[in-house]
Amino acid sequence: PRAREVSVGEDELTVLLADGRKISVPLA
């Protein structure tokens, strides 16, 4: 799996993968 885009909000990390999946996890 490879990251294509990364964004970090106030309370969540979101990673868009090259295969189209999206991972969102709490910054905590």
PDB file of all heavy atoms in Angstrom:
ATOM      1  N   PRO A   1       0.833  -1.199   0.000  1.00  0.00           N
ATOM      2  CA  PRO A   1       0.000   0.000   0.000  1.00  0.00           C
ATOM      3  C   PRO A   1       0.873   1.257   0.000  1.00  0.00           C
ATOM      4  O   PRO A   1       1.884   1.319   0.689  1.00  0.00           O
ATOM      5  CB  PRO A   1      -0.808  -0.118   1.289  1.00  0.00           C
ATOM      6  CG  PRO A   1      -0.009  -1.026   2.165  1.00  0.00           C
ATOM      7  CD  PRO A   1       0.750  -1.937   1.249  1.00  0.00           C
ATOM      8  N   ARG A   2       0.463   2.236  -0.785  1.00  0.00           N
ATOM      9  CA  ARG A   2       1.232   3.472  -0.914  1.00  0.00           C
ATOM     10  C   ARG A   2       0.320   4.672  -0.758  1.00  0.00           C
ATOM     11  O   ARG A   2      -0.770   4.710  -1.326  1.00  0.00           O
ATOM     12  CB  ARG A   2       1.928   3.513  -2.261  1.00  0.00           C
ATOM     13  CG  ARG A   2       2.917   2.373  -2.436  1.00  0.00           C
ATOM     14  CD  ARG A   2       3.690   2.493  -3.727  1.00  0.00           C
ATOM     15  NE  ARG A   2       4.460   1.303  -3.992  1.00  0.00           N
ATOM     16  CZ  ARG A   2       5.685   1.084  -3.522  1.00  0.00           C
ATOM     17  NH1 ARG A   2       6.257   1.972  -2.752  1.00  0.00           N
ATOM     18  NH2 ARG A   2       6.331  -0.019  -3.830  1.00  0.00           N
ATOM     19  N   ALA A   3       0.803   5.653  -0.013  1.00  0.00           N
ATOM     20  CA  ALA A   3       0.057   6.898   0.179  1.00  0.00           C
ATOM     21  C   ALA A   3       0.195   7.773  -1.055  1.00  0.00           C
ATOM     22  O   ALA A   3       1.263   7.857  -1.658  1.00  0.00           O
ATOM     23  CB  ALA A   3       0.590   7.644   1.398  1.00  0.00           C
ATOM     24  N   ARG A   4      -0.912   8.397  -1.419  1.00  0.00           N
ATOM     25  CA  ARG A   4      -0.897   9.345  -2.521  1.00  0.00           C
ATOM     26  C   ARG A   4      -1.125  10.765  -2.004  1.00  0.00           C
ATOM     27  O   ARG A   4      -0.542  11.714  -2.501  1.00  0.00           O
ATOM     28  CB  ARG A   4      -1.967   8.975  -3.537  1.00  0.00           C
ATOM     29  CG  ARG A   4      -1.898   9.811  -4.803  1.00  0.00           C
ATOM     30  CD  ARG A   4      -2.852   9.335  -5.846  1.00  0.00           C
ATOM     31  NE  ARG A   4      -4.212   9.603  -5.395  1.00  0.00           N
ATOM     32  CZ  ARG A   4      -5.293   8.999  -5.853  1.00  0.00           C
ATOM     33  NH1 ARG A   4      -5.190   8.065  -6.758  1.00  0.00           N
ATOM     34  NH2 ARG A   4      -6.478   9.311  -5.406  1.00  0.00           N
ATOM     35  N   GLU A   5      -1.989  10.900  -0.991  1.00  0.00           N
ATOM     36  CA  GLU A   5      -2.288  12.196  -0.386  1.00  0.00           C
ATOM     37  C   GLU A   5      -2.406  12.015   1.119  1.00  0.00           C
ATOM     38  O   GLU A   5      -2.871  10.984   1.592  1.00  0.00           O
ATOM     39  CB  GLU A   5      -3.605  12.763  -0.912  1.00  0.00           C
ATOM     40  CG  GLU A   5      -3.614  13.095  -2.382  1.00  0.00           C
ATOM     41  CD  GLU A   5      -4.973  13.594  -2.846  1.00  0.00           C
ATOM     42  OE1 GLU A   5      -5.746  14.128  -2.017  1.00  0.00           O
ATOM     43  OE2 GLU A   5      -5.254  13.435  -4.035  1.00  0.00           O
ATOM     44  N   VAL A   6      -2.001  13.050   1.861  1.00  0.00           N
ATOM     45  CA  VAL A   6      -2.079  13.035   3.316  1.00  0.00           C
ATOM     46  C   VAL A   6      -2.674  14.354   3.763  1.00  0.00           C
ATOM     47  O   VAL A   6      -2.287  15.415   3.266  1.00  0.00           O
ATOM     48  CB  VAL A   6      -0.673  12.861   3.950  1.00  0.00           C
ATOM     49  CG1 VAL A   6      -0.748  12.938   5.467  1.00  0.00           C
ATOM     50  CG2 VAL A   6      -0.027  11.574   3.492  1.00  0.00           C
ATOM     51  N   SER A   7      -3.603  14.291   4.702  1.00  0.00           N
ATOM     52  CA  SER A   7      -4.109  15.521   5.311  1.00  0.00           C
ATOM     53  C   SER A   7      -4.251  15.283   6.810  1.00  0.00           C
ATOM     54  O   SER A   7      -4.619  14.193   7.252  1.00  0.00           O
ATOM     55  CB  SER A   7      -5.430  15.959   4.689  1.00  0.00           C
ATOM     56  OG  SER A   7      -6.431  15.010   4.920  1.00  0.00           O
ATOM     57  N   VAL A   8      -3.916  16.314   7.559  1.00  0.00           N
ATOM     58  CA  VAL A   8      -3.991  16.231   9.009  1.00  0.00           C
ATOM     59  C   VAL A   8      -4.854  17.386   9.494  1.00  0.00           C
ATOM     60  O   VAL A   8      -4.494  18.549   9.330  1.00  0.00           O
ATOM     61  CB  VAL A   8      -2.593  16.308   9.661  1.00  0.00           C
ATOM     62  CG1 VAL A   8      -2.701  16.061  11.161  1.00  0.00           C
ATOM     63  CG2 VAL A   8      -1.637  15.321   9.031  1.00  0.00           C
ATOM     64  N   GLY A   9      -5.993  17.053  10.078  1.00  0.00           N
ATOM     65  CA  GLY A   9      -6.885  18.051  10.629  1.00  0.00           C
ATOM     66  C   GLY A   9      -6.610  18.255  12.108  1.00  0.00           C
ATOM     67  O   GLY A   9      -5.584  17.823  12.631  1.00  0.00           O
ATOM     68  N   GLU A  10      -7.553  18.864  12.780  1.00  0.00           N
ATOM     69  CA  GLU A  10      -7.401  19.114  14.216  1.00  0.00           C
ATOM     70  C   GLU A  10      -7.424  17.831  15.031  1.00  0.00           C
ATOM     71  O   GLU A  10      -6.779  17.748  16.069  1.00  0.00           O
ATOM     72  CB  GLU A  10      -8.506  20.056  14.706  1.00  0.00           C
ATOM     73  CG  GLU A  10      -8.295  21.497  14.303  1.00  0.00           C
ATOM     74  CD  GLU A  10      -7.024  22.094  14.902  1.00  0.00           C
ATOM     75  OE1 GLU A  10      -6.782  21.914  16.110  1.00  0.00           O
ATOM     76  OE2 GLU A  10      -6.273  22.719  14.144  1.00  0.00           O
ATOM     77  N   ASP A  11      -8.180  16.837  14.567  1.00  0.00           N
ATOM     78  CA  ASP A  11      -8.305  15.611  15.355  1.00  0.00           C
ATOM     79  C   ASP A  11      -8.278  14.327  14.538  1.00  0.00           C
ATOM     80  O   ASP A  11      -8.597  13.263  15.042  1.00  0.00           O
ATOM     81  CB  ASP A  11      -9.570  15.665  16.205  1.00  0.00           C
ATOM     82  CG  ASP A  11     -10.829  15.870  15.379  1.00  0.00           C
ATOM     83  OD1 ASP A  11     -10.741  15.924  14.147  1.00  0.00           O
ATOM     84  OD2 ASP A  11     -11.909  15.981  15.983  1.00  0.00           O
ATOM     85  N   GLU A  12      -7.870  14.427  13.256  1.00  0.00           N
ATOM     86  CA  GLU A  12      -7.880  13.231  12.418  1.00  0.00           C
ATOM     87  C   GLU A  12      -6.774  13.276  11.368  1.00  0.00           C
ATOM     88  O   GLU A  12      -6.494  14.323  10.790  1.00  0.00           O
ATOM     89  CB  GLU A  12      -9.241  13.131  11.717  1.00  0.00           C
ATOM     90  CG  GLU A  12      -9.454  11.869  10.932  1.00  0.00           C
ATOM     91  CD  GLU A  12     -10.871  11.798  10.389  1.00  0.00           C
ATOM     92  OE1 GLU A  12     -11.225  12.608   9.508  1.00  0.00           O
ATOM     93  OE2 GLU A  12     -11.611  10.929  10.869  1.00  0.00           O
ATOM     94  N   LEU A  13      -6.161  12.120  11.144  1.00  0.00           N
ATOM     95  CA  LEU A  13      -5.190  11.930  10.073  1.00  0.00           C
ATOM     96  C   LEU A  13      -5.886  11.137   8.969  1.00  0.00           C
ATOM     97  O   LEU A  13      -6.480  10.082   9.245  1.00  0.00           O
ATOM     98  CB  LEU A  13      -3.976  11.145  10.585  1.00  0.00           C
ATOM     99  CG  LEU A  13      -3.003  10.612   9.528  1.00  0.00           C
ATOM    100  CD1 LEU A  13      -2.294  11.754   8.819  1.00  0.00           C
ATOM    101  CD2 LEU A  13      -1.992   9.665  10.173  1.00  0.00           C
ATOM    102  N   THR A  14      -5.828  11.644   7.745  1.00  0.00           N
ATOM    103  CA  THR A  14      -6.458  10.966   6.618  1.00  0.00           C
ATOM    104  C   THR A  14      -5.408  10.733   5.538  1.00  0.00           C
ATOM    105  O   THR A  14      -4.670  11.651   5.176  1.00  0.00           O
ATOM    106  CB  THR A  14      -7.615  11.802   6.046  1.00  0.00           C
ATOM    107  OG1 THR A  14      -8.567  12.039   7.087  1.00  0.00           O
ATOM    108  CG2 THR A  14      -8.297  11.082   4.908  1.00  0.00           C
ATOM    109  N   VAL A  15      -5.348   9.500   5.059  1.00  0.00           N
ATOM    110  CA  VAL A  15      -4.388   9.127   4.022  1.00  0.00           C
ATOM    111  C   VAL A  15      -5.162   8.485   2.878  1.00  0.00           C
ATOM    112  O   VAL A  15      -5.884   7.508   3.071  1.00  0.00           O
ATOM    113  CB  VAL A  15      -3.331   8.140   4.560  1.00  0.00           C
ATOM    114  CG1 VAL A  15      -2.341   7.761   3.472  1.00  0.00           C
ATOM    115  CG2 VAL A  15      -2.610   8.730   5.770  1.00  0.00           C
ATOM    116  N   LEU A  16      -5.017   9.062   1.685  1.00  0.00           N
ATOM    117  CA  LEU A  16      -5.600   8.496   0.480  1.00  0.00           C
ATOM    118  C   LEU A  16      -4.539   7.619  -0.174  1.00  0.00           C
ATOM    119  O   LEU A  16      -3.423   8.082  -0.430  1.00  0.00           O
ATOM    120  CB  LEU A  16      -6.040   9.603  -0.479  1.00  0.00           C
ATOM    121  CG  LEU A  16      -6.691   9.151  -1.773  1.00  0.00           C
ATOM    122  CD1 LEU A  16      -7.969   8.370  -1.502  1.00  0.00           C
ATOM    123  CD2 LEU A  16      -6.979  10.352  -2.652  1.00  0.00           C
ATOM    124  N   LEU A  17      -4.875   6.361  -0.407  1.00  0.00           N
ATOM    125  CA  LEU A  17      -3.925   5.414  -0.969  1.00  0.00           C
ATOM    126  C   LEU A  17      -3.993   5.411  -2.491  1.00  0.00           C
ATOM    127  O   LEU A  17      -5.014   5.767  -3.086  1.00  0.00           O
ATOM    128  CB  LEU A  17      -4.197   4.009  -0.439  1.00  0.00           C
ATOM    129  CG  LEU A  17      -4.146   3.847   1.077  1.00  0.00           C
ATOM    130  CD1 LEU A  17      -4.382   2.389   1.456  1.00  0.00           C
ATOM    131  CD2 LEU A  17      -2.846   4.356   1.640  1.00  0.00           C
ATOM    132  N   ALA A  18      -2.921   4.978  -3.104  1.00  0.00           N
ATOM    133  CA  ALA A  18      -2.830   4.934  -4.560  1.00  0.00           C
ATOM    134  C   ALA A  18      -3.887   4.016  -5.164  1.00  0.00           C
ATOM    135  O   ALA A  18      -4.314   4.230  -6.294  1.00  0.00           O
ATOM    136  CB  ALA A  18      -1.429   4.485  -4.980  1.00  0.00           C
ATOM    137  N   ASP A  19      -4.344   3.008  -4.410  1.00  0.00           N
ATOM    138  CA  ASP A  19      -5.355   2.082  -4.939  1.00  0.00           C
ATOM    139  C   ASP A  19      -6.790   2.569  -4.710  1.00  0.00           C
ATOM    140  O   ASP A  19      -7.741   1.851  -4.977  1.00  0.00           O
ATOM    141  CB  ASP A  19      -5.162   0.678  -4.361  1.00  0.00           C
ATOM    142  CG  ASP A  19      -5.374   0.606  -2.861  1.00  0.00           C
ATOM    143  OD1 ASP A  19      -5.834   1.598  -2.250  1.00  0.00           O
ATOM    144  OD2 ASP A  19      -5.070  -0.458  -2.280  1.00  0.00           O
ATOM    145  N   GLY A  20      -6.939   3.792  -4.178  1.00  0.00           N
ATOM    146  CA  GLY A  20      -8.265   4.373  -3.995  1.00  0.00           C
ATOM    147  C   GLY A  20      -8.828   4.272  -2.586  1.00  0.00           C
ATOM    148  O   GLY A  20      -9.814   4.930  -2.270  1.00  0.00           O
ATOM    149  N   ARG A  21      -8.229   3.444  -1.736  1.00  0.00           N
ATOM    150  CA  ARG A  21      -8.715   3.364  -0.357  1.00  0.00           C
ATOM    151  C   ARG A  21      -8.356   4.627   0.406  1.00  0.00           C
ATOM    152  O   ARG A  21      -7.395   5.311   0.078  1.00  0.00           O
ATOM    153  CB  ARG A  21      -8.105   2.159   0.362  1.00  0.00           C
ATOM    154  CG  ARG A  21      -8.634   0.846  -0.150  1.00  0.00           C
ATOM    155  CD  ARG A  21      -8.012  -0.319   0.580  1.00  0.00           C
ATOM    156  NE  ARG A  21      -6.614  -0.469   0.149  1.00  0.00           N
ATOM    157  CZ  ARG A  21      -5.761  -1.325   0.679  1.00  0.00           C
ATOM    158  NH1 ARG A  21      -6.131  -2.101   1.683  1.00  0.00           N
ATOM    159  NH2 ARG A  21      -4.542  -1.419   0.216  1.00  0.00           N
ATOM    160  N   LYS A  22      -9.130   4.896   1.467  1.00  0.00           N
ATOM    161  CA  LYS A  22      -8.866   6.039   2.325  1.00  0.00           C
ATOM    162  C   LYS A  22      -8.832   5.551   3.769  1.00  0.00           C
ATOM    163  O   LYS A  22      -9.724   4.829   4.200  1.00  0.00           O
ATOM    164  CB  LYS A  22      -9.946   7.104   2.160  1.00  0.00           C
ATOM    165  CG  LYS A  22      -9.694   8.321   3.011  1.00  0.00           C
ATOM    166  CD  LYS A  22     -10.559   9.533   2.669  1.00  0.00           C
ATOM    167  CE  LYS A  22     -12.008   9.281   2.650  1.00  0.00           C
ATOM    168  NZ  LYS A  22     -12.815  10.515   2.548  1.00  0.00           N
ATOM    169  N   ILE A  23      -7.781   5.939   4.495  1.00  0.00           N
ATOM    170  CA  ILE A  23      -7.616   5.579   5.898  1.00  0.00           C
ATOM    171  C   ILE A  23      -7.802   6.854   6.711  1.00  0.00           C
ATOM    172  O   ILE A  23      -7.146   7.864   6.434  1.00  0.00           O
ATOM    173  CB  ILE A  23      -6.204   5.041   6.189  1.00  0.00           C
ATOM    174  CG1 ILE A  23      -5.842   3.890   5.273  1.00  0.00           C
ATOM    175  CG2 ILE A  23      -6.062   4.650   7.651  1.00  0.00           C
ATOM    176  CD1 ILE A  23      -4.357   3.547   5.308  1.00  0.00           C
ATOM    177  N   SER A  24      -8.651   6.818   7.716  1.00  0.00           N
ATOM    178  CA  SER A  24      -8.799   7.944   8.636  1.00  0.00           C
ATOM    179  C   SER A  24      -8.672   7.404  10.048  1.00  0.00           C
ATOM    180  O   SER A  24      -9.350   6.440  10.416  1.00  0.00           O
ATOM    181  CB  SER A  24     -10.162   8.621   8.462  1.00  0.00           C
ATOM    182  OG  SER A  24     -10.252   9.223   7.195  1.00  0.00           O
ATOM    183  N   VAL A  25      -7.774   8.016  10.810  1.00  0.00           N
ATOM    184  CA  VAL A  25      -7.541   7.580  12.188  1.00  0.00           C
ATOM    185  C   VAL A  25      -7.484   8.804  13.095  1.00  0.00           C
ATOM    186  O   VAL A  25      -7.117   9.894  12.661  1.00  0.00           O
ATOM    187  CB  VAL A  25      -6.235   6.757  12.319  1.00  0.00           C
ATOM    188  CG1 VAL A  25      -6.330   5.456  11.545  1.00  0.00           C
ATOM    189  CG2 VAL A  25      -5.045   7.551  11.861  1.00  0.00           C
ATOM    190  N   PRO A  26      -7.827   8.624  14.372  1.00  0.00           N
ATOM    191  CA  PRO A  26      -7.782   9.756  15.305  1.00  0.00           C
ATOM    192  C   PRO A  26      -6.342  10.201  15.563  1.00  0.00           C
ATOM    193  O   PRO A  26      -5.443   9.369  15.714  1.00  0.00           O
ATOM    194  CB  PRO A  26      -8.399   9.209  16.579  1.00  0.00           C
ATOM    195  CG  PRO A  26      -8.875   7.836  16.286  1.00  0.00           C
ATOM    196  CD  PRO A  26      -8.312   7.406  14.980  1.00  0.00           C
ATOM    197  N   LEU A  27      -6.140  11.503  15.637  1.00  0.00           N
ATOM    198  CA  LEU A  27      -4.806  12.022  15.965  1.00  0.00           C
ATOM    199  C   LEU A  27      -4.391  11.645  17.377  1.00  0.00           C
ATOM    200  O   LEU A  27      -3.198  11.606  17.677  1.00  0.00           O
ATOM    201  CB  LEU A  27      -4.775  13.547  15.838  1.00  0.00           C
ATOM    202  CG  LEU A  27      -4.411  14.112  14.490  1.00  0.00           C
ATOM    203  CD1 LEU A  27      -4.173  15.613  14.594  1.00  0.00           C
ATOM    204  CD2 LEU A  27      -3.236  13.443  13.860  1.00  0.00           C
ATOM    205  N   ALA A  28      -5.343  11.356  18.222  1.00  0.00           N
ATOM    206  CA  ALA A  28      -5.030  10.953  19.601  1.00  0.00           C
ATOM    207  C   ALA A  28      -4.127   9.727  19.635  1.00  0.00           C
ATOM    208  O   ALA A  28      -3.413   9.504  20.608  1.00  0.00           O
ATOM    209  CB  ALA A  28      -6.313  10.686  20.382  1.00  0.00           C
TER     210      ALA A  28
END
